[in-house]
ModelCIF file with pLDDT and N, C-alpha, C, O atoms, coordinates in Angstrom:
data_MODEL
#
_entry.id   MODEL 
#
_entity.id                         1 
_entity.type                       polymer 
_entity.pdbx_number_of_molecules   1 
#
_entity_poly.entity_id                      1 
_entity_poly.type                           'polypeptide(L)' 
_entity_poly.nstd_linkage                   no 
_entity_poly.nstd_monomer                   no 
_entity_poly.pdbx_seq_one_letter_code       EFLTAHALQFSSIEAYSTPRRLAVYVTGIPESQSDTQEE 
_entity_poly.pdbx_seq_one_letter_code_can   EFLTAHALQFSSIEAYSTPRRLAVYVTGIPESQSDTQEE 
_entity_poly.pdbx_strand_id                 A 
#
loop_
_entity_poly_seq.entity_id 
_entity_poly_seq.num 
_entity_poly_seq.mon_id 
_entity_poly_seq.hetero 
1 1  GLU n 
1 2  PHE n 
1 3  LEU n 
1 4  THR n 
1 5  ALA n 
1 6  HIS n 
1 7  ALA n 
1 8  LEU n 
1 9  GLN n 
1 10 PHE n 
1 11 SER n 
1 12 SER n 
1 13 ILE n 
1 14 GLU n 
1 15 ALA n 
1 16 TYR n 
1 17 SER n 
1 18 THR n 
1 19 PRO n 
1 20 ARG n 
1 21 ARG n 
1 22 LEU n 
1 23 ALA n 
1 24 VAL n 
1 25 TYR n 
1 26 VAL n 
1 27 THR n 
1 28 GLY n 
1 29 ILE n 
1 30 PRO n 
1 31 GLU n 
1 32 SER n 
1 33 GLN n 
1 34 SER n 
1 35 ASP n 
1 36 THR n 
1 37 GLN n 
1 38 GLU n 
1 39 GLU n 
#
_struct_asym.id          A 
_struct_asym.entity_id   1 
#
loop_
_ma_qa_metric.id 
_ma_qa_metric.mode 
_ma_qa_metric.name 
_ma_qa_metric.software_group_id 
_ma_qa_metric.type 
1 global pLDDT . pLDDT 
2 local  pLDDT . pLDDT 
#
_ma_qa_metric_global.metric_id      1 
_ma_qa_metric_global.metric_value   93.77 
_ma_qa_metric_global.model_id       1 
_ma_qa_metric_global.ordinal_id     1 
#
loop_
_ma_qa_metric_local.label_asym_id 
_ma_qa_metric_local.label_comp_id 
_ma_qa_metric_local.label_seq_id 
_ma_qa_metric_local.metric_id 
_ma_qa_metric_local.metric_value 
_ma_qa_metric_local.model_id 
_ma_qa_metric_local.ordinal_id 
A GLU 1  2 97.00 1 1  
A PHE 2  2 97.00 1 2  
A LEU 3  2 96.00 1 3  
A THR 4  2 94.00 1 4  
A ALA 5  2 92.00 1 5  
A HIS 6  2 93.00 1 6  
A ALA 7  2 90.00 1 7  
A LEU 8  2 94.00 1 8  
A GLN 9  2 94.00 1 9  
A PHE 10 2 96.00 1 10 
A SER 11 2 96.00 1 11 
A SER 12 2 97.00 1 12 
A ILE 13 2 98.00 1 13 
A GLU 14 2 98.00 1 14 
A ALA 15 2 98.00 1 15 
A TYR 16 2 98.00 1 16 
A SER 17 2 98.00 1 17 
A THR 18 2 98.00 1 18 
A PRO 19 2 98.00 1 19 
A ARG 20 2 98.00 1 20 
A ARG 21 2 98.00 1 21 
A LEU 22 2 98.00 1 22 
A ALA 23 2 98.00 1 23 
A VAL 24 2 98.00 1 24 
A TYR 25 2 98.00 1 25 
A VAL 26 2 98.00 1 26 
A THR 27 2 97.00 1 27 
A GLY 28 2 96.00 1 28 
A ILE 29 2 97.00 1 29 
A PRO 30 2 96.00 1 30 
A GLU 31 2 94.00 1 31 
A SER 32 2 93.00 1 32 
A GLN 33 2 89.00 1 33 
A SER 34 2 81.00 1 34 
A ASP 35 2 80.00 1 35 
A THR 36 2 77.00 1 36 
A GLN 37 2 80.00 1 37 
A GLU 38 2 81.00 1 38 
A GLU 39 2 88.00 1 39 
#
loop_
_atom_site.group_PDB 
_atom_site.id 
_atom_site.type_symbol 
_atom_site.label_atom_id 
_atom_site.label_alt_id 
_atom_site.label_comp_id 
_atom_site.label_asym_id 
_atom_site.label_entity_id 
_atom_site.label_seq_id 
_atom_site.pdbx_PDB_ins_code 
_atom_site.Cartn_x 
_atom_site.Cartn_y 
_atom_site.Cartn_z 
_atom_site.occupancy 
_atom_site.B_iso_or_equiv 
_atom_site.pdbx_formal_charge 
_atom_site.auth_seq_id 
_atom_site.auth_comp_id 
_atom_site.auth_asym_id 
_atom_site.auth_atom_id 
_atom_site.pdbx_PDB_model_num 
ATOM 1   N N  . GLU A 1 1  ? 18.458 182.767 113.610 1.00 97.00 ? 1  GLU A N  1 
ATOM 2   C CA . GLU A 1 1  ? 17.270 182.855 114.189 1.00 97.00 ? 1  GLU A CA 1 
ATOM 3   C C  . GLU A 1 1  ? 17.538 183.466 115.671 1.00 97.00 ? 1  GLU A C  1 
ATOM 4   O O  . GLU A 1 1  ? 16.500 183.925 116.147 1.00 97.00 ? 1  GLU A O  1 
ATOM 5   N N  . PHE A 1 2  ? 18.382 183.555 116.301 1.00 97.00 ? 2  PHE A N  1 
ATOM 6   C CA . PHE A 1 2  ? 18.855 184.978 116.782 1.00 97.00 ? 2  PHE A CA 1 
ATOM 7   C C  . PHE A 1 2  ? 18.304 186.151 116.533 1.00 97.00 ? 2  PHE A C  1 
ATOM 8   O O  . PHE A 1 2  ? 17.632 186.733 117.384 1.00 97.00 ? 2  PHE A O  1 
ATOM 9   N N  . LEU A 1 3  ? 18.641 186.888 114.703 1.00 96.00 ? 3  LEU A N  1 
ATOM 10  C CA . LEU A 1 3  ? 18.070 188.535 114.773 1.00 96.00 ? 3  LEU A CA 1 
ATOM 11  C C  . LEU A 1 3  ? 16.576 187.977 113.918 1.00 96.00 ? 3  LEU A C  1 
ATOM 12  O O  . LEU A 1 3  ? 15.960 188.721 113.156 1.00 96.00 ? 3  LEU A O  1 
ATOM 13  N N  . THR A 1 4  ? 16.335 187.149 114.091 1.00 94.00 ? 4  THR A N  1 
ATOM 14  C CA . THR A 1 4  ? 14.614 187.110 113.363 1.00 94.00 ? 4  THR A CA 1 
ATOM 15  C C  . THR A 1 4  ? 13.639 186.442 114.237 1.00 94.00 ? 4  THR A C  1 
ATOM 16  O O  . THR A 1 4  ? 12.446 186.300 113.968 1.00 94.00 ? 4  THR A O  1 
ATOM 17  N N  . ALA A 1 5  ? 14.305 185.992 115.436 1.00 92.00 ? 5  ALA A N  1 
ATOM 18  C CA . ALA A 1 5  ? 13.346 186.649 117.049 1.00 92.00 ? 5  ALA A CA 1 
ATOM 19  C C  . ALA A 1 5  ? 13.501 187.476 117.281 1.00 92.00 ? 5  ALA A C  1 
ATOM 20  O O  . ALA A 1 5  ? 12.519 188.070 117.725 1.00 92.00 ? 5  ALA A O  1 
ATOM 21  N N  . HIS A 1 6  ? 14.856 188.276 117.200 1.00 93.00 ? 6  HIS A N  1 
ATOM 22  C CA . HIS A 1 6  ? 14.796 189.554 117.938 1.00 93.00 ? 6  HIS A CA 1 
ATOM 23  C C  . HIS A 1 6  ? 14.252 191.285 116.787 1.00 93.00 ? 6  HIS A C  1 
ATOM 24  O O  . HIS A 1 6  ? 14.669 192.425 116.990 1.00 93.00 ? 6  HIS A O  1 
ATOM 25  N N  . ALA A 1 7  ? 13.385 190.895 115.822 1.00 90.00 ? 7  ALA A N  1 
ATOM 26  C CA . ALA A 1 7  ? 13.137 191.078 114.322 1.00 90.00 ? 7  ALA A CA 1 
ATOM 27  C C  . ALA A 1 7  ? 13.984 191.975 114.105 1.00 90.00 ? 7  ALA A C  1 
ATOM 28  O O  . ALA A 1 7  ? 13.658 193.132 114.368 1.00 90.00 ? 7  ALA A O  1 
ATOM 29  N N  . LEU A 1 8  ? 14.918 191.781 113.725 1.00 94.00 ? 8  LEU A N  1 
ATOM 30  C CA . LEU A 1 8  ? 16.755 192.567 113.361 1.00 94.00 ? 8  LEU A CA 1 
ATOM 31  C C  . LEU A 1 8  ? 16.615 191.870 111.369 1.00 94.00 ? 8  LEU A C  1 
ATOM 32  O O  . LEU A 1 8  ? 17.124 190.791 111.066 1.00 94.00 ? 8  LEU A O  1 
ATOM 33  N N  . GLN A 1 9  ? 16.123 192.447 110.685 1.00 94.00 ? 9  GLN A N  1 
ATOM 34  C CA . GLN A 1 9  ? 15.880 191.364 109.604 1.00 94.00 ? 9  GLN A CA 1 
ATOM 35  C C  . GLN A 1 9  ? 16.878 191.773 108.747 1.00 94.00 ? 9  GLN A C  1 
ATOM 36  O O  . GLN A 1 9  ? 17.012 192.995 108.673 1.00 94.00 ? 9  GLN A O  1 
ATOM 37  N N  . PHE A 1 10 ? 17.873 190.861 107.847 1.00 96.00 ? 10 PHE A N  1 
ATOM 38  C CA . PHE A 1 10 ? 19.154 191.748 107.431 1.00 96.00 ? 10 PHE A CA 1 
ATOM 39  C C  . PHE A 1 10 ? 18.904 190.993 105.661 1.00 96.00 ? 10 PHE A C  1 
ATOM 40  O O  . PHE A 1 10 ? 17.924 190.644 105.002 1.00 96.00 ? 10 PHE A O  1 
ATOM 41  N N  . SER A 1 11 ? 19.862 191.011 105.527 1.00 96.00 ? 11 SER A N  1 
ATOM 42  C CA . SER A 1 11 ? 20.306 190.756 103.707 1.00 96.00 ? 11 SER A CA 1 
ATOM 43  C C  . SER A 1 11 ? 20.642 189.381 103.812 1.00 96.00 ? 11 SER A C  1 
ATOM 44  O O  . SER A 1 11 ? 19.785 188.502 103.735 1.00 96.00 ? 11 SER A O  1 
ATOM 45  N N  . SER A 1 12 ? 21.772 189.169 103.973 1.00 97.00 ? 12 SER A N  1 
ATOM 46  C CA . SER A 1 12 ? 22.837 187.172 103.973 1.00 97.00 ? 12 SER A CA 1 
ATOM 47  C C  . SER A 1 12 ? 23.317 187.305 105.179 1.00 97.00 ? 12 SER A C  1 
ATOM 48  O O  . SER A 1 12 ? 23.637 188.189 105.974 1.00 97.00 ? 12 SER A O  1 
ATOM 49  N N  . ILE A 1 13 ? 23.284 186.452 105.107 1.00 98.00 ? 13 ILE A N  1 
ATOM 50  C CA . ILE A 1 13 ? 24.577 185.894 106.312 1.00 98.00 ? 13 ILE A CA 1 
ATOM 51  C C  . ILE A 1 13 ? 25.490 184.542 105.316 1.00 98.00 ? 13 ILE A C  1 
ATOM 52  O O  . ILE A 1 13 ? 25.180 183.665 104.510 1.00 98.00 ? 13 ILE A O  1 
ATOM 53  N N  . GLU A 1 14 ? 27.027 185.176 106.131 1.00 98.00 ? 14 GLU A N  1 
ATOM 54  C CA . GLU A 1 14 ? 27.553 183.966 105.484 1.00 98.00 ? 14 GLU A CA 1 
ATOM 55  C C  . GLU A 1 14 ? 28.611 183.756 107.115 1.00 98.00 ? 14 GLU A C  1 
ATOM 56  O O  . GLU A 1 14 ? 28.620 184.442 108.137 1.00 98.00 ? 14 GLU A O  1 
ATOM 57  N N  . ALA A 1 15 ? 29.457 182.422 106.709 1.00 98.00 ? 15 ALA A N  1 
ATOM 58  C CA . ALA A 1 15 ? 29.917 182.130 107.584 1.00 98.00 ? 15 ALA A CA 1 
ATOM 59  C C  . ALA A 1 15 ? 31.101 182.177 107.274 1.00 98.00 ? 15 ALA A C  1 
ATOM 60  O O  . ALA A 1 15 ? 31.451 182.638 106.187 1.00 98.00 ? 15 ALA A O  1 
ATOM 61  N N  . TYR A 1 16 ? 32.055 181.654 108.274 1.00 98.00 ? 16 TYR A N  1 
ATOM 62  C CA . TYR A 1 16 ? 33.747 181.708 108.061 1.00 98.00 ? 16 TYR A CA 1 
ATOM 63  C C  . TYR A 1 16 ? 33.886 180.603 108.617 1.00 98.00 ? 16 TYR A C  1 
ATOM 64  O O  . TYR A 1 16 ? 32.914 179.894 108.880 1.00 98.00 ? 16 TYR A O  1 
ATOM 65  N N  . SER A 1 17 ? 35.480 180.167 108.971 1.00 98.00 ? 17 SER A N  1 
ATOM 66  C CA . SER A 1 17 ? 36.102 179.255 109.512 1.00 98.00 ? 17 SER A CA 1 
ATOM 67  C C  . SER A 1 17 ? 37.475 179.130 109.772 1.00 98.00 ? 17 SER A C  1 
ATOM 68  O O  . SER A 1 17 ? 37.961 179.471 108.694 1.00 98.00 ? 17 SER A O  1 
ATOM 69  N N  . THR A 1 18 ? 38.392 178.860 110.507 1.00 98.00 ? 18 THR A N  1 
ATOM 70  C CA . THR A 1 18 ? 39.475 178.346 110.147 1.00 98.00 ? 18 THR A CA 1 
ATOM 71  C C  . THR A 1 18 ? 39.920 177.192 111.521 1.00 98.00 ? 18 THR A C  1 
ATOM 72  O O  . THR A 1 18 ? 39.040 177.224 112.381 1.00 98.00 ? 18 THR A O  1 
ATOM 73  N N  . PRO A 1 19 ? 40.945 176.329 111.830 1.00 98.00 ? 19 PRO A N  1 
ATOM 74  C CA . PRO A 1 19 ? 41.294 175.789 112.360 1.00 98.00 ? 19 PRO A CA 1 
ATOM 75  C C  . PRO A 1 19 ? 40.619 176.893 114.498 1.00 98.00 ? 19 PRO A C  1 
ATOM 76  O O  . PRO A 1 19 ? 39.972 176.432 115.438 1.00 98.00 ? 19 PRO A O  1 
ATOM 77  N N  . ARG A 1 20 ? 41.258 178.330 114.287 1.00 98.00 ? 20 ARG A N  1 
ATOM 78  C CA . ARG A 1 20 ? 41.142 179.112 115.117 1.00 98.00 ? 20 ARG A CA 1 
ATOM 79  C C  . ARG A 1 20 ? 40.550 179.412 116.051 1.00 98.00 ? 20 ARG A C  1 
ATOM 80  O O  . ARG A 1 20 ? 40.725 179.425 117.269 1.00 98.00 ? 20 ARG A O  1 
ATOM 81  N N  . ARG A 1 21 ? 38.988 179.936 114.606 1.00 98.00 ? 21 ARG A N  1 
ATOM 82  C CA . ARG A 1 21 ? 38.117 180.832 114.439 1.00 98.00 ? 21 ARG A CA 1 
ATOM 83  C C  . ARG A 1 21 ? 37.089 180.618 113.722 1.00 98.00 ? 21 ARG A C  1 
ATOM 84  O O  . ARG A 1 21 ? 37.299 180.342 112.541 1.00 98.00 ? 21 ARG A O  1 
ATOM 85  N N  . LEU A 1 22 ? 35.211 180.702 114.374 1.00 98.00 ? 22 LEU A N  1 
ATOM 86  C CA . LEU A 1 22 ? 34.496 180.882 113.799 1.00 98.00 ? 22 LEU A CA 1 
ATOM 87  C C  . LEU A 1 22 ? 33.955 182.435 113.961 1.00 98.00 ? 22 LEU A C  1 
ATOM 88  O O  . LEU A 1 22 ? 34.224 183.355 114.734 1.00 98.00 ? 22 LEU A O  1 
ATOM 89  N N  . ALA A 1 23 ? 33.221 182.293 113.048 1.00 98.00 ? 23 ALA A N  1 
ATOM 90  C CA . ALA A 1 23 ? 33.351 183.761 112.691 1.00 98.00 ? 23 ALA A CA 1 
ATOM 91  C C  . ALA A 1 23 ? 31.477 183.533 111.527 1.00 98.00 ? 23 ALA A C  1 
ATOM 92  O O  . ALA A 1 23 ? 31.053 182.395 111.321 1.00 98.00 ? 23 ALA A O  1 
ATOM 93  N N  . VAL A 1 24 ? 30.788 184.661 111.036 1.00 98.00 ? 24 VAL A N  1 
ATOM 94  C CA . VAL A 1 24 ? 29.537 185.187 110.691 1.00 98.00 ? 24 VAL A CA 1 
ATOM 95  C C  . VAL A 1 24 ? 30.329 186.643 109.943 1.00 98.00 ? 24 VAL A C  1 
ATOM 96  O O  . VAL A 1 24 ? 31.485 187.024 110.128 1.00 98.00 ? 24 VAL A O  1 
ATOM 97  N N  . TYR A 1 25 ? 29.195 187.301 109.005 1.00 98.00 ? 25 TYR A N  1 
ATOM 98  C CA . TYR A 1 25 ? 29.020 188.448 108.664 1.00 98.00 ? 25 TYR A CA 1 
ATOM 99  C C  . TYR A 1 25 ? 27.384 188.306 107.670 1.00 98.00 ? 25 TYR A C  1 
ATOM 100 O O  . TYR A 1 25 ? 26.660 187.765 106.834 1.00 98.00 ? 25 TYR A O  1 
ATOM 101 N N  . VAL A 1 26 ? 27.636 189.182 108.530 1.00 98.00 ? 26 VAL A N  1 
ATOM 102 C CA . VAL A 1 26 ? 25.623 189.116 107.968 1.00 98.00 ? 26 VAL A CA 1 
ATOM 103 C C  . VAL A 1 26 ? 25.205 191.177 107.369 1.00 98.00 ? 26 VAL A C  1 
ATOM 104 O O  . VAL A 1 26 ? 25.125 192.093 108.187 1.00 98.00 ? 26 VAL A O  1 
ATOM 105 N N  . THR A 1 27 ? 25.015 191.362 105.772 1.00 97.00 ? 27 THR A N  1 
ATOM 106 C CA . THR A 1 27 ? 24.624 191.879 105.952 1.00 97.00 ? 27 THR A CA 1 
ATOM 107 C C  . THR A 1 27 ? 23.444 192.708 106.139 1.00 97.00 ? 27 THR A C  1 
ATOM 108 O O  . THR A 1 27 ? 22.358 192.128 106.156 1.00 97.00 ? 27 THR A O  1 
ATOM 109 N N  . GLY A 1 28 ? 23.485 194.179 106.306 1.00 96.00 ? 28 GLY A N  1 
ATOM 110 C CA . GLY A 1 28 ? 21.670 194.361 105.713 1.00 96.00 ? 28 GLY A CA 1 
ATOM 111 C C  . GLY A 1 28 ? 20.822 194.473 107.112 1.00 96.00 ? 28 GLY A C  1 
ATOM 112 O O  . GLY A 1 28 ? 19.596 194.406 107.191 1.00 96.00 ? 28 GLY A O  1 
ATOM 113 N N  . ILE A 1 29 ? 22.019 194.714 108.532 1.00 97.00 ? 29 ILE A N  1 
ATOM 114 C CA . ILE A 1 29 ? 20.472 195.389 109.471 1.00 97.00 ? 29 ILE A CA 1 
ATOM 115 C C  . ILE A 1 29 ? 19.870 196.617 110.052 1.00 97.00 ? 29 ILE A C  1 
ATOM 116 O O  . ILE A 1 29 ? 20.076 197.347 109.083 1.00 97.00 ? 29 ILE A O  1 
ATOM 117 N N  . PRO A 1 30 ? 19.512 197.083 110.574 1.00 96.00 ? 30 PRO A N  1 
ATOM 118 C CA . PRO A 1 30 ? 18.745 198.504 110.371 1.00 96.00 ? 30 PRO A CA 1 
ATOM 119 C C  . PRO A 1 30 ? 18.946 198.121 112.080 1.00 96.00 ? 30 PRO A C  1 
ATOM 120 O O  . PRO A 1 30 ? 18.789 197.166 112.841 1.00 96.00 ? 30 PRO A O  1 
ATOM 121 N N  . GLU A 1 31 ? 19.505 199.879 112.111 1.00 94.00 ? 31 GLU A N  1 
ATOM 122 C CA . GLU A 1 31 ? 19.570 200.208 113.302 1.00 94.00 ? 31 GLU A CA 1 
ATOM 123 C C  . GLU A 1 31 ? 19.049 200.390 113.575 1.00 94.00 ? 31 GLU A C  1 
ATOM 124 O O  . GLU A 1 31 ? 19.118 201.561 113.949 1.00 94.00 ? 31 GLU A O  1 
ATOM 125 N N  . SER A 1 32 ? 17.721 199.695 113.870 1.00 93.00 ? 32 SER A N  1 
ATOM 126 C CA . SER A 1 32 ? 17.124 200.030 114.982 1.00 93.00 ? 32 SER A CA 1 
ATOM 127 C C  . SER A 1 32 ? 15.769 198.693 114.703 1.00 93.00 ? 32 SER A C  1 
ATOM 128 O O  . SER A 1 32 ? 15.287 198.534 113.582 1.00 93.00 ? 32 SER A O  1 
ATOM 129 N N  . GLN A 1 33 ? 15.464 198.111 115.541 1.00 89.00 ? 33 GLN A N  1 
ATOM 130 C CA . GLN A 1 33 ? 13.888 197.091 115.462 1.00 89.00 ? 33 GLN A CA 1 
ATOM 131 C C  . GLN A 1 33 ? 13.057 198.107 115.019 1.00 89.00 ? 33 GLN A C  1 
ATOM 132 O O  . GLN A 1 33 ? 12.994 199.315 115.245 1.00 89.00 ? 33 GLN A O  1 
ATOM 133 N N  . SER A 1 34 ? 12.412 197.297 114.308 1.00 81.00 ? 34 SER A N  1 
ATOM 134 C CA . SER A 1 34 ? 10.710 198.532 113.631 1.00 81.00 ? 34 SER A CA 1 
ATOM 135 C C  . SER A 1 34 ? 10.322 198.631 115.026 1.00 81.00 ? 34 SER A C  1 
ATOM 136 O O  . SER A 1 34 ? 10.820 198.173 116.054 1.00 81.00 ? 34 SER A O  1 
ATOM 137 N N  . ASP A 1 35 ? 9.074  199.509 114.740 1.00 80.00 ? 35 ASP A N  1 
ATOM 138 C CA . ASP A 1 35 ? 8.258  199.828 115.765 1.00 80.00 ? 35 ASP A CA 1 
ATOM 139 C C  . ASP A 1 35 ? 7.602  198.355 115.792 1.00 80.00 ? 35 ASP A C  1 
ATOM 140 O O  . ASP A 1 35 ? 8.003  197.408 115.116 1.00 80.00 ? 35 ASP A O  1 
ATOM 141 N N  . THR A 1 36 ? 6.537  198.333 116.681 1.00 77.00 ? 36 THR A N  1 
ATOM 142 C CA . THR A 1 36 ? 5.462  197.650 116.319 1.00 77.00 ? 36 THR A CA 1 
ATOM 143 C C  . THR A 1 36 ? 4.083  197.681 117.600 1.00 77.00 ? 36 THR A C  1 
ATOM 144 O O  . THR A 1 36 ? 3.956  197.947 118.796 1.00 77.00 ? 36 THR A O  1 
ATOM 145 N N  . GLN A 1 37 ? 2.922  197.056 116.010 1.00 80.00 ? 37 GLN A N  1 
ATOM 146 C CA . GLN A 1 37 ? 1.595  198.259 117.395 1.00 80.00 ? 37 GLN A CA 1 
ATOM 147 C C  . GLN A 1 37 ? 1.238  196.121 117.212 1.00 80.00 ? 37 GLN A C  1 
ATOM 148 O O  . GLN A 1 37 ? 1.670  195.385 116.325 1.00 80.00 ? 37 GLN A O  1 
ATOM 149 N N  . GLU A 1 38 ? 0.244  195.701 118.549 1.00 81.00 ? 38 GLU A N  1 
ATOM 150 C CA . GLU A 1 38 ? 0.092  194.560 118.484 1.00 81.00 ? 38 GLU A CA 1 
ATOM 151 C C  . GLU A 1 38 ? -1.969 194.712 119.259 1.00 81.00 ? 38 GLU A C  1 
ATOM 152 O O  . GLU A 1 38 ? -2.429 195.466 120.117 1.00 81.00 ? 38 GLU A O  1 
ATOM 153 N N  . GLU A 1 39 ? -2.294 194.175 118.849 1.00 88.00 ? 39 GLU A N  1 
ATOM 154 C CA . GLU A 1 39 ? -4.039 194.480 119.200 1.00 88.00 ? 39 GLU A CA 1 
ATOM 155 C C  . GLU A 1 39 ? -4.076 193.174 120.622 1.00 88.00 ? 39 GLU A C  1 
ATOM 156 O O  . GLU A 1 39 ? -5.117 192.971 121.247 1.00 88.00 ? 39 GLU A O  1 
#
């Protein structure tokens, strides 16, 4: 939701966990947000 709300597209998101950690691995994020044009 954070990535979508901040106009950062991504290809996939995987979640991992153990009793001592919570993690996400996200692929395909561009190096910058796209330029936008709004009327």
